[in-house]
């Protein structure tokens, strides 16, 4: 089985860290369903390309996360970083946002 890779982009603003991550295969794509639109833009998501197992370690340090794609969303849920009920799907693509309090 091929190991999954994701793009991870880290934004530091003051004492807050936002992590945007998406599966490698969906970067640059746009998903639409009804009135919902999910754009996986390079400007926001494209940072370092890494294995999913390394990306979740970065998510541990995030205050806010914006995740798109089967691999990264599944890994975040498996790690216990968010409730599965927070996941939405747009044209079958999972999207998850969370904020640590």
Protein backbone atom coordinates (compact mmCIF):
# COMPACT_ATOMS: atom_id res chain seq x y z
CA UNK A 1 0.00 0.00 0.00
CA UNK A 2 1.32 3.43 -0.98
CA UNK A 3 1.93 5.89 1.82
CA UNK A 4 -0.21 9.04 1.68
CA UNK A 5 1.28 12.51 1.43
CA UNK A 6 -0.26 15.86 2.31
CA UNK A 7 0.62 19.51 1.94
CA UNK A 8 0.95 21.37 5.23
CA UNK A 9 1.09 25.15 5.54
CA UNK A 10 1.67 26.74 8.95
CA UNK A 11 0.65 30.32 9.71
CA UNK A 12 1.83 31.95 12.94
CA UNK A 13 -0.01 35.07 14.05
CA UNK A 14 1.02 36.30 17.47
CA UNK A 15 0.59 33.40 19.85
CA UNK A 16 -1.84 31.55 17.54
CA UNK A 17 -0.86 28.83 15.06
CA UNK A 18 -3.12 27.97 12.14
CA UNK A 19 -2.37 24.81 10.19
CA UNK A 20 -3.86 24.25 6.75
CA UNK A 21 -3.41 20.77 5.31
CA UNK A 22 -4.78 18.88 2.34
CA UNK A 23 -4.20 15.58 0.60
CA UNK A 24 -1.66 15.90 -2.20
CA UNK A 25 -4.12 14.67 -4.84
CA UNK A 26 -6.66 17.46 -4.32
CA UNK A 27 -4.43 20.55 -4.27
CA UNK A 28 -5.69 23.05 -6.82
CA UNK A 29 -9.14 21.47 -7.16
CA UNK A 30 -12.53 23.01 -6.38
CA UNK A 31 -15.47 20.99 -5.07
CA UNK A 32 -19.06 22.20 -5.31
CA UNK A 33 -22.28 20.83 -3.89
CA UNK A 34 -25.41 22.93 -3.80
CA UNK A 35 -24.45 26.31 -2.37
CA UNK A 36 -21.24 24.94 -0.83
CA UNK A 37 -17.88 25.51 -2.50
CA UNK A 38 -14.54 24.19 -1.27
CA UNK A 39 -11.49 25.56 -3.06
CA UNK A 40 -8.21 23.82 -2.28
CA UNK A 41 -6.03 26.75 -3.30
CA UNK A 42 -2.25 26.55 -3.50
CA UNK A 43 -1.99 29.99 -1.89
CA UNK A 44 -3.55 28.66 1.32
CA UNK A 45 -2.76 24.94 1.48
CA UNK A 46 0.54 24.49 -0.35
CA UNK A 47 3.35 24.36 2.15
CA UNK A 48 5.62 21.45 2.87
CA UNK A 49 4.83 18.07 1.32
CA UNK A 50 5.09 15.34 3.94
CA UNK A 51 3.79 11.98 5.08
CA UNK A 52 0.46 12.04 6.89
CA UNK A 53 2.05 10.62 10.05
CA UNK A 54 4.38 13.64 10.19
CA UNK A 55 1.57 16.09 9.46
CA UNK A 56 -0.50 14.97 12.46
CA UNK A 57 2.42 15.78 14.74
CA UNK A 58 2.22 19.36 13.49
CA UNK A 59 -1.54 19.35 14.06
CA UNK A 60 -0.89 18.53 17.71
CA UNK A 61 0.63 22.01 18.04
CA UNK A 62 -2.08 23.85 16.08
CA UNK A 63 -4.53 26.21 17.75
CA UNK A 64 -6.69 26.22 14.62
CA UNK A 65 -6.73 23.72 11.76
CA UNK A 66 -8.31 23.68 8.34
CA UNK A 67 -8.10 20.21 6.76
CA UNK A 68 -9.31 18.82 3.45
CA UNK A 69 -9.11 15.31 2.02
CA UNK A 70 -9.68 11.72 3.11
CA UNK A 71 -6.17 11.04 4.41
CA UNK A 72 -5.55 14.11 6.57
CA UNK A 73 -9.08 14.28 7.96
CA UNK A 74 -9.03 10.56 8.85
CA UNK A 75 -5.62 10.95 10.54
CA UNK A 76 -6.79 13.92 12.61
CA UNK A 77 -9.88 12.03 13.76
CA UNK A 78 -7.84 8.93 14.56
CA UNK A 79 -5.52 11.11 16.66
CA UNK A 80 -8.56 12.42 18.58
CA UNK A 81 -8.08 16.04 17.52
CA UNK A 82 -11.73 16.61 16.59
CA UNK A 83 -15.17 15.08 16.80
CA UNK A 84 -16.19 13.10 13.69
CA UNK A 85 -19.49 15.02 13.69
CA UNK A 86 -17.52 18.17 12.75
CA UNK A 87 -16.62 16.73 9.33
CA UNK A 88 -18.57 17.93 6.32
CA UNK A 89 -18.36 16.46 2.85
CA UNK A 90 -18.56 18.52 -0.28
CA UNK A 91 -18.89 16.41 -3.43
CA UNK A 92 -17.60 13.49 -1.35
CA UNK A 93 -14.46 15.32 -0.16
CA UNK A 94 -14.15 15.54 3.64
CA UNK A 95 -13.41 18.93 5.19
CA UNK A 96 -12.73 19.59 8.86
CA UNK A 97 -12.03 22.74 10.80
CA UNK A 98 -11.24 22.81 14.48
CA UNK A 99 -10.06 25.20 17.14
CA UNK A 100 -8.50 24.21 20.42
CA UNK A 101 -9.82 26.02 23.47
